All heavy atoms as atom14 arrays in JSON, in Angstrom:
{
  "sequence": "VQAGGSLRLSCVASGSIFSINAMGWYRRAPGKQRELV",
  "atom14_mask": [
    [1, 1, 1, 1, 1, 1, 1, 0, 0, 0, 0, 0, 0, 0],
    [1, 1, 1, 1, 1, 1, 1, 1, 1, 0, 0, 0, 0, 0],
    [1, 1, 1, 1, 1, 0, 0, 0, 0, 0, 0, 0, 0, 0],
    [1, 1, 1, 1, 0, 0, 0, 0, 0, 0, 0, 0, 0, 0],
    [1, 1, 1, 1, 0, 0, 0, 0, 0, 0, 0, 0, 0, 0],
    [1, 1, 1, 1, 1, 1, 0, 0, 0, 0, 0, 0, 0, 0],
    [1, 1, 1, 1, 1, 1, 1, 1, 0, 0, 0, 0, 0, 0],
    [1, 1, 1, 1, 1, 1, 1, 1, 1, 1, 1, 0, 0, 0],
    [1, 1, 1, 1, 1, 1, 1, 1, 0, 0, 0, 0, 0, 0],
    [1, 1, 1, 1, 1, 1, 0, 0, 0, 0, 0, 0, 0, 0],
    [1, 1, 1, 1, 1, 1, 0, 0, 0, 0, 0, 0, 0, 0],
    [1, 1, 1, 1, 1, 1, 1, 0, 0, 0, 0, 0, 0, 0],
    [1, 1, 1, 1, 1, 0, 0, 0, 0, 0, 0, 0, 0, 0],
    [1, 1, 1, 1, 1, 1, 0, 0, 0, 0, 0, 0, 0, 0],
    [1, 1, 1, 1, 0, 0, 0, 0, 0, 0, 0, 0, 0, 0],
    [1, 1, 1, 1, 1, 1, 0, 0, 0, 0, 0, 0, 0, 0],
    [1, 1, 1, 1, 1, 1, 1, 1, 0, 0, 0, 0, 0, 0],
    [1, 1, 1, 1, 1, 1, 1, 1, 1, 1, 1, 0, 0, 0],
    [1, 1, 1, 1, 1, 1, 0, 0, 0, 0, 0, 0, 0, 0],
    [1, 1, 1, 1, 1, 1, 1, 1, 0, 0, 0, 0, 0, 0],
    [1, 1, 1, 1, 1, 1, 1, 1, 0, 0, 0, 0, 0, 0],
    [1, 1, 1, 1, 1, 0, 0, 0, 0, 0, 0, 0, 0, 0],
    [1, 1, 1, 1, 1, 1, 1, 1, 0, 0, 0, 0, 0, 0],
    [1, 1, 1, 1, 0, 0, 0, 0, 0, 0, 0, 0, 0, 0],
    [1, 1, 1, 1, 1, 1, 1, 1, 1, 1, 1, 1, 1, 1],
    [1, 1, 1, 1, 1, 1, 1, 1, 1, 1, 1, 1, 0, 0],
    [1, 1, 1, 1, 1, 1, 1, 1, 1, 1, 1, 0, 0, 0],
    [1, 1, 1, 1, 1, 1, 1, 1, 1, 1, 1, 0, 0, 0],
    [1, 1, 1, 1, 1, 0, 0, 0, 0, 0, 0, 0, 0, 0],
    [1, 1, 1, 1, 1, 1, 1, 0, 0, 0, 0, 0, 0, 0],
    [1, 1, 1, 1, 0, 0, 0, 0, 0, 0, 0, 0, 0, 0],
    [1, 1, 1, 1, 1, 1, 1, 1, 1, 0, 0, 0, 0, 0],
    [1, 1, 1, 1, 1, 1, 1, 1, 1, 0, 0, 0, 0, 0],
    [1, 1, 1, 1, 1, 1, 1, 1, 1, 1, 1, 0, 0, 0],
    [1, 1, 1, 1, 1, 1, 1, 1, 1, 0, 0, 0, 0, 0],
    [1, 1, 1, 1, 1, 1, 1, 1, 0, 0, 0, 0, 0, 0],
    [1, 1, 1, 1, 1, 1, 1, 0, 0, 0, 0, 0, 0, 0]
  ],
  "atom14_positions": [
    [[-10.49, 6.42, -1.44], [-11.37, 5.93, -0.4], [-10.57, 5.75, 0.88], [-9.36, 5.49, 0.84], [-12.03, 4.6, -0.84], [-11.0, 3.5, -1.02], [-13.12, 4.18, 0.12], [0.0, 0.0, 0.0], [0.0, 0.0, 0.0], [0.0, 0.0, 0.0], [0.0, 0.0, 0.0], [0.0, 0.0, 0.0], [0.0, 0.0, 0.0], [0.0, 0.0, 0.0]],
    [[-11.23, 5.89, 2.0], [-10.56, 5.67, 3.28], [-10.46, 4.18, 3.58], [-11.27, 3.38, 3.1], [-11.33, 6.36, 4.4], [-11.21, 7.87, 4.4], [-11.84, 8.49, 5.63], [-12.76, 7.95, 6.22], [-11.33, 9.67, 6.04], [0.0, 0.0, 0.0], [0.0, 0.0, 0.0], [0.0, 0.0, 0.0], [0.0, 0.0, 0.0], [0.0, 0.0, 0.0]],
    [[-9.47, 3.82, 4.36], [-9.33, 2.43, 4.77], [-10.63, 1.95, 5.42], [-11.25, 2.66, 6.21], [-8.17, 2.29, 5.75], [0.0, 0.0, 0.0], [0.0, 0.0, 0.0], [0.0, 0.0, 0.0], [0.0, 0.0, 0.0], [0.0, 0.0, 0.0], [0.0, 0.0, 0.0], [0.0, 0.0, 0.0], [0.0, 0.0, 0.0], [0.0, 0.0, 0.0]],
    [[-11.02, 0.73, 5.05], [-12.27, 0.18, 5.53], [-13.44, 0.45, 4.6], [-14.52, -0.14, 4.78], [0.0, 0.0, 0.0], [0.0, 0.0, 0.0], [0.0, 0.0, 0.0], [0.0, 0.0, 0.0], [0.0, 0.0, 0.0], [0.0, 0.0, 0.0], [0.0, 0.0, 0.0], [0.0, 0.0, 0.0], [0.0, 0.0, 0.0], [0.0, 0.0, 0.0]],
    [[-13.25, 1.31, 3.64], [-14.31, 1.66, 2.7], [-14.43, 0.68, 1.55], [-13.73, -0.34, 1.5], [0.0, 0.0, 0.0], [0.0, 0.0, 0.0], [0.0, 0.0, 0.0], [0.0, 0.0, 0.0], [0.0, 0.0, 0.0], [0.0, 0.0, 0.0], [0.0, 0.0, 0.0], [0.0, 0.0, 0.0], [0.0, 0.0, 0.0], [0.0, 0.0, 0.0]],
    [[-15.31, 1.02, 0.61], [-15.61, 0.14, -0.51], [-15.58, 0.9, -1.82], [-15.84, 2.11, -1.86], [-17.01, -0.49, -0.35], [-17.09, -1.28, 0.81], [0.0, 0.0, 0.0], [0.0, 0.0, 0.0], [0.0, 0.0, 0.0], [0.0, 0.0, 0.0], [0.0, 0.0, 0.0], [0.0, 0.0, 0.0], [0.0, 0.0, 0.0], [0.0, 0.0, 0.0]],
    [[-15.26, 0.17, -2.87], [-15.34, 0.68, -4.24], [-15.8, -0.45, -5.14], [-15.56, -1.63, -4.83], [-13.99, 1.2, -4.73], [-13.5, 2.56, -4.27], [-12.08, 2.8, -4.79], [-14.43, 3.67, -4.73], [0.0, 0.0, 0.0], [0.0, 0.0, 0.0], [0.0, 0.0, 0.0], [0.0, 0.0, 0.0], [0.0, 0.0, 0.0], [0.0, 0.0, 0.0]],
    [[-16.39, -0.08, -6.26], [-16.79, -1.06, -7.25], [-16.2, -0.66, -8.6], [-16.48, 0.42, -9.11], [-18.3, -1.14, -7.37], [-18.8, -2.29, -8.24], [-20.26, -2.13, -8.55], [-20.86, -3.33, -9.11], [-21.93, -3.31, -9.91], [-22.48, -2.17, -10.24], [-22.43, -4.45, -10.37], [0.0, 0.0, 0.0], [0.0, 0.0, 0.0], [0.0, 0.0, 0.0]],
    [[-15.39, -1.54, -9.14], [-14.8, -1.32, -10.45], [-15.62, -2.03, -11.53], [-16.19, -3.1, -11.28], [-13.36, -1.83, -10.5], [-12.4, -1.3, -9.43], [-11.0, -1.86, -9.67], [-12.38, 0.2, -9.39], [0.0, 0.0, 0.0], [0.0, 0.0, 0.0], [0.0, 0.0, 0.0], [0.0, 0.0, 0.0], [0.0, 0.0, 0.0], [0.0, 0.0, 0.0]],
    [[-15.64, -1.43, -12.71], [-16.31, -2.03, -13.86], [-15.36, -2.06, -15.04], [-14.52, -1.17, -15.19], [-17.56, -1.24, -14.24], [-18.48, -1.19, -13.18], [0.0, 0.0, 0.0], [0.0, 0.0, 0.0], [0.0, 0.0, 0.0], [0.0, 0.0, 0.0], [0.0, 0.0, 0.0], [0.0, 0.0, 0.0], [0.0, 0.0, 0.0], [0.0, 0.0, 0.0]],
    [[-15.52, -3.05, -15.89], [-14.72, -3.16, -17.1], [-15.62, -3.69, -18.22], [-16.17, -4.78, -18.1], [-13.53, -4.09, -16.9], [-12.59, -4.44, -18.4], [0.0, 0.0, 0.0], [0.0, 0.0, 0.0], [0.0, 0.0, 0.0], [0.0, 0.0, 0.0], [0.0, 0.0, 0.0], [0.0, 0.0, 0.0], [0.0, 0.0, 0.0], [0.0, 0.0, 0.0]],
    [[-15.75, -2.88, -19.26], [-16.58, -3.26, -20.4], [-15.68, -3.7, -21.56], [-14.75, -2.97, -21.93], [-17.46, -2.09, -20.86], [-18.33, -2.52, -22.03], [-18.32, -1.61, -19.7], [0.0, 0.0, 0.0], [0.0, 0.0, 0.0], [0.0, 0.0, 0.0], [0.0, 0.0, 0.0], [0.0, 0.0, 0.0], [0.0, 0.0, 0.0], [0.0, 0.0, 0.0]],
    [[-15.96, -4.86, -22.11], [-15.21, -5.39, -23.24], [-16.0, -5.21, -24.53], [-17.23, -5.32, -24.54], [-14.9, -6.87, -23.02], [0.0, 0.0, 0.0], [0.0, 0.0, 0.0], [0.0, 0.0, 0.0], [0.0, 0.0, 0.0], [0.0, 0.0, 0.0], [0.0, 0.0, 0.0], [0.0, 0.0, 0.0], [0.0, 0.0, 0.0], [0.0, 0.0, 0.0]],
    [[-15.27, -4.93, -25.6], [-15.9, -4.82, -26.91], [-14.91, -5.31, -27.96], [-13.71, -5.38, -27.72], [-16.32, -3.38, -27.21], [-15.21, -2.52, -27.22], [0.0, 0.0, 0.0], [0.0, 0.0, 0.0], [0.0, 0.0, 0.0], [0.0, 0.0, 0.0], [0.0, 0.0, 0.0], [0.0, 0.0, 0.0], [0.0, 0.0, 0.0], [0.0, 0.0, 0.0]],
    [[-15.44, -5.67, -29.13], [-14.58, -6.13, -30.21], [-14.8, -7.6, -30.52], [-15.92, -8.1, -30.46], [0.0, 0.0, 0.0], [0.0, 0.0, 0.0], [0.0, 0.0, 0.0], [0.0, 0.0, 0.0], [0.0, 0.0, 0.0], [0.0, 0.0, 0.0], [0.0, 0.0, 0.0], [0.0, 0.0, 0.0], [0.0, 0.0, 0.0], [0.0, 0.0, 0.0]],
    [[-13.71, -8.3, -30.78], [-13.77, -9.71, -31.21], [-13.87, -10.63, -30.0], [-12.94, -11.35, -29.66], [-12.54, -10.04, -32.05], [-12.44, -9.21, -33.18], [0.0, 0.0, 0.0], [0.0, 0.0, 0.0], [0.0, 0.0, 0.0], [0.0, 0.0, 0.0], [0.0, 0.0, 0.0], [0.0, 0.0, 0.0], [0.0, 0.0, 0.0], [0.0, 0.0, 0.0]],
    [[-15.03, -10.59, -29.38], [-15.24, -11.36, -28.16], [-15.86, -12.71, -28.51], [-16.89, -12.77, -29.16], [-16.17, -10.59, -27.2], [-15.53, -9.26, -26.83], [-16.44, -11.42, -25.95], [-16.46, -8.35, -26.07], [0.0, 0.0, 0.0], [0.0, 0.0, 0.0], [0.0, 0.0, 0.0], [0.0, 0.0, 0.0], [0.0, 0.0, 0.0], [0.0, 0.0, 0.0]],
    [[-15.21, -13.77, -28.08], [-15.74, -15.1, -28.28], [-16.31, -15.61, -26.98], [-16.01, -15.12, -25.9], [-14.64, -16.03, -28.81], [-14.11, -15.62, -30.15], [-12.95, -14.86, -30.24], [-14.77, -15.96, -31.31], [-12.46, -14.46, -31.47], [-14.29, -15.57, -32.54], [-13.12, -14.83, -32.62], [0.0, 0.0, 0.0], [0.0, 0.0, 0.0], [0.0, 0.0, 0.0]],
    [[-17.12, -16.63, -27.07], [-17.87, -17.08, -25.9], [-16.97, -17.66, -24.81], [-17.25, -17.51, -23.63], [-18.92, -18.1, -26.3], [-18.3, -19.21, -26.93], [0.0, 0.0, 0.0], [0.0, 0.0, 0.0], [0.0, 0.0, 0.0], [0.0, 0.0, 0.0], [0.0, 0.0, 0.0], [0.0, 0.0, 0.0], [0.0, 0.0, 0.0], [0.0, 0.0, 0.0]],
    [[-15.88, -18.32, -25.2], [-15.0, -18.93, -24.2], [-13.86, -17.96, -23.9], [-13.01, -17.71, -24.73], [-14.46, -20.27, -24.7], [-15.61, -21.23, -24.97], [-13.5, -20.87, -23.67], [-15.19, -22.54, -25.57], [0.0, 0.0, 0.0], [0.0, 0.0, 0.0], [0.0, 0.0, 0.0], [0.0, 0.0, 0.0], [0.0, 0.0, 0.0], [0.0, 0.0, 0.0]],
    [[-13.87, -17.4, -22.7], [-12.85, -16.44, -22.33], [-12.83, -16.28, -20.82], [-13.69, -16.81, -20.12], [-13.12, -15.09, -22.99], [-14.47, -14.52, -22.61], [-14.65, -14.04, -21.5], [-15.41, -14.55, -23.53], [0.0, 0.0, 0.0], [0.0, 0.0, 0.0], [0.0, 0.0, 0.0], [0.0, 0.0, 0.0], [0.0, 0.0, 0.0], [0.0, 0.0, 0.0]],
    [[-11.86, -15.57, -20.35], [-11.79, -15.22, -18.93], [-11.56, -13.72, -18.83], [-10.85, -13.13, -19.66], [-10.67, -15.98, -18.24], [0.0, 0.0, 0.0], [0.0, 0.0, 0.0], [0.0, 0.0, 0.0], [0.0, 0.0, 0.0], [0.0, 0.0, 0.0], [0.0, 0.0, 0.0], [0.0, 0.0, 0.0], [0.0, 0.0, 0.0], [0.0, 0.0, 0.0]],
    [[-12.16, -13.12, -17.86], [-11.93, -11.7, -17.58], [-11.47, -11.56, -16.14], [-11.88, -12.34, -15.28], [-13.19, -10.88, -17.81], [-13.63, -10.85, -19.26], [-15.06, -9.77, -19.53], [-14.3, -8.15, -19.36], [0.0, 0.0, 0.0], [0.0, 0.0, 0.0], [0.0, 0.0, 0.0], [0.0, 0.0, 0.0], [0.0, 0.0, 0.0], [0.0, 0.0, 0.0]],
    [[-10.64, -10.6, -15.91], [-10.14, -10.47, -14.55], [-9.51, -9.13, -14.26], [-9.45, -8.25, -15.13], [0.0, 0.0, 0.0], [0.0, 0.0, 0.0], [0.0, 0.0, 0.0], [0.0, 0.0, 0.0], [0.0, 0.0, 0.0], [0.0, 0.0, 0.0], [0.0, 0.0, 0.0], [0.0, 0.0, 0.0], [0.0, 0.0, 0.0], [0.0, 0.0, 0.0]],
    [[-9.06, -9.0, -13.04], [-8.42, -7.78, -12.56], [-7.05, -8.12, -11.98], [-6.9, -9.1, -11.24], [-9.27, -7.13, -11.47], [-10.57, -6.6, -11.97], [-11.77, -7.24, -11.99], [-10.81, -5.3, -12.52], [-12.74, -6.44, -12.52], [-12.16, -5.23, -12.86], [-9.99, -4.19, -12.77], [-12.73, -4.1, -13.43], [-10.56, -3.06, -13.33], [-11.92, -3.02, -13.66]],
    [[-6.1, -7.3, -12.32], [-4.76, -7.36, -11.76], [-4.44, -5.96, -11.24], [-5.05, -4.99, -11.67], [-3.74, -7.78, -12.81], [-3.91, -9.2, -13.3], [-4.94, -9.54, -14.17], [-3.03, -10.21, -12.89], [-5.1, -10.85, -14.62], [-3.19, -11.51, -13.33], [-4.22, -11.82, -14.19], [-4.37, -13.11, -14.61], [0.0, 0.0, 0.0], [0.0, 0.0, 0.0]],
    [[-3.48, -5.88, -10.35], [-3.09, -4.56, -9.85], [-1.58, -4.47, -9.74], [-0.89, -5.46, -9.57], [-3.73, -4.28, -8.49], [-3.25, -5.16, -7.35], [-4.06, -4.89, -6.09], [-3.6, -5.72, -4.97], [-4.22, -5.8, -3.8], [-5.33, -5.11, -3.59], [-3.73, -6.56, -2.84], [0.0, 0.0, 0.0], [0.0, 0.0, 0.0], [0.0, 0.0, 0.0]],
    [[-1.13, -3.22, -9.87], [0.29, -2.96, -9.72], [0.45, -1.76, -8.8], [0.03, -0.65, -9.13], [0.96, -2.69, -11.06], [2.42, -2.28, -10.94], [3.1, -2.25, -12.28], [3.42, -3.6, -12.76], [3.81, -3.88, -13.99], [3.92, -2.93, -14.88], [4.09, -5.11, -14.34], [0.0, 0.0, 0.0], [0.0, 0.0, 0.0], [0.0, 0.0, 0.0]],
    [[1.07, -2.02, -7.66], [1.35, -0.96, -6.71], [2.73, -0.38, -7.0], [3.57, -1.07, -7.6], [1.29, -1.51, -5.29], [0.0, 0.0, 0.0], [0.0, 0.0, 0.0], [0.0, 0.0, 0.0], [0.0, 0.0, 0.0], [0.0, 0.0, 0.0], [0.0, 0.0, 0.0], [0.0, 0.0, 0.0], [0.0, 0.0, 0.0], [0.0, 0.0, 0.0]],
    [[2.99, 0.85, -6.59], [4.29, 1.47, -6.84], [5.43, 0.61, -6.29], [5.38, 0.19, -5.12], [4.2, 2.8, -6.09], [2.74, 3.1, -6.07], [2.05, 1.78, -5.94], [0.0, 0.0, 0.0], [0.0, 0.0, 0.0], [0.0, 0.0, 0.0], [0.0, 0.0, 0.0], [0.0, 0.0, 0.0], [0.0, 0.0, 0.0], [0.0, 0.0, 0.0]],
    [[6.4, 0.31, -7.13], [7.57, -0.45, -6.69], [7.34, -1.94, -6.54], [8.22, -2.67, -6.09], [0.0, 0.0, 0.0], [0.0, 0.0, 0.0], [0.0, 0.0, 0.0], [0.0, 0.0, 0.0], [0.0, 0.0, 0.0], [0.0, 0.0, 0.0], [0.0, 0.0, 0.0], [0.0, 0.0, 0.0], [0.0, 0.0, 0.0], [0.0, 0.0, 0.0]],
    [[6.17, -2.41, -6.95], [5.87, -3.83, -6.8], [5.5, -4.44, -8.15], [5.16, -3.73, -9.1], [4.72, -4.04, -5.81], [5.04, -3.61, -4.39], [3.91, -3.95, -3.46], [4.24, -3.58, -2.03], [3.13, -3.93, -1.08], [0.0, 0.0, 0.0], [0.0, 0.0, 0.0], [0.0, 0.0, 0.0], [0.0, 0.0, 0.0], [0.0, 0.0, 0.0]],
    [[5.57, -5.75, -8.21], [5.17, -6.45, -9.43], [3.65, -6.54, -9.52], [2.95, -6.45, -8.51], [5.77, -7.86, -9.44], [7.27, -7.89, -9.61], [7.81, -9.3, -9.76], [7.2, -10.25, -9.29], [8.93, -9.44, -10.44], [0.0, 0.0, 0.0], [0.0, 0.0, 0.0], [0.0, 0.0, 0.0], [0.0, 0.0, 0.0], [0.0, 0.0, 0.0]],
    [[3.18, -6.71, -10.74], [1.75, -6.89, -10.96], [1.29, -8.19, -10.28], [1.98, -9.21, -10.33], [1.46, -6.97, -12.45], [-0.01, -7.06, -12.81], [-0.19, -6.98, -14.31], [0.45, -8.09, -14.99], [0.77, -8.08, -16.29], [0.5, -7.02, -17.02], [1.34, -9.14, -16.84], [0.0, 0.0, 0.0], [0.0, 0.0, 0.0], [0.0, 0.0, 0.0]],
    [[0.14, -8.13, -9.65], [-0.38, -9.31, -8.98], [-1.84, -9.54, -9.35], [-2.59, -8.61, -9.65], [-0.25, -9.18, -7.46], [-1.1, -8.11, -6.82], [-1.14, -8.19, -5.3], [-0.9, -9.28, -4.75], [-1.44, -7.16, -4.67], [0.0, 0.0, 0.0], [0.0, 0.0, 0.0], [0.0, 0.0, 0.0], [0.0, 0.0, 0.0], [0.0, 0.0, 0.0]],
    [[-2.21, -10.8, -9.3], [-3.59, -11.17, -9.55], [-4.49, -10.68, -8.43], [-4.18, -10.86, -7.25], [-3.71, -12.7, -9.66], [-5.13, -13.26, -9.63], [-5.85, -12.92, -10.92], [-5.1, -14.76, -9.38], [0.0, 0.0, 0.0], [0.0, 0.0, 0.0], [0.0, 0.0, 0.0], [0.0, 0.0, 0.0], [0.0, 0.0, 0.0], [0.0, 0.0, 0.0]],
    [[-5.6, -10.08, -8.81], [-6.64, -9.73, -7.83], [-7.74, -10.79, -7.9], [-8.05, -11.46, -6.94], [-7.21, -8.33, -8.09], [-8.32, -8.03, -7.09], [-6.11, -7.28, -8.01], [0.0, 0.0, 0.0], [0.0, 0.0, 0.0], [0.0, 0.0, 0.0], [0.0, 0.0, 0.0], [0.0, 0.0, 0.0], [0.0, 0.0, 0.0], [0.0, 0.0, 0.0]]
  ]
}
């Protein structure tokens, strides 16, 4: 995408899912540590 644009990410979970949980996104750029999004 070009700078200023938009994207929508999706993540589907399956398996042993319990009601109390957290879901989230992290990212890792080249040469950098993983960071919370």
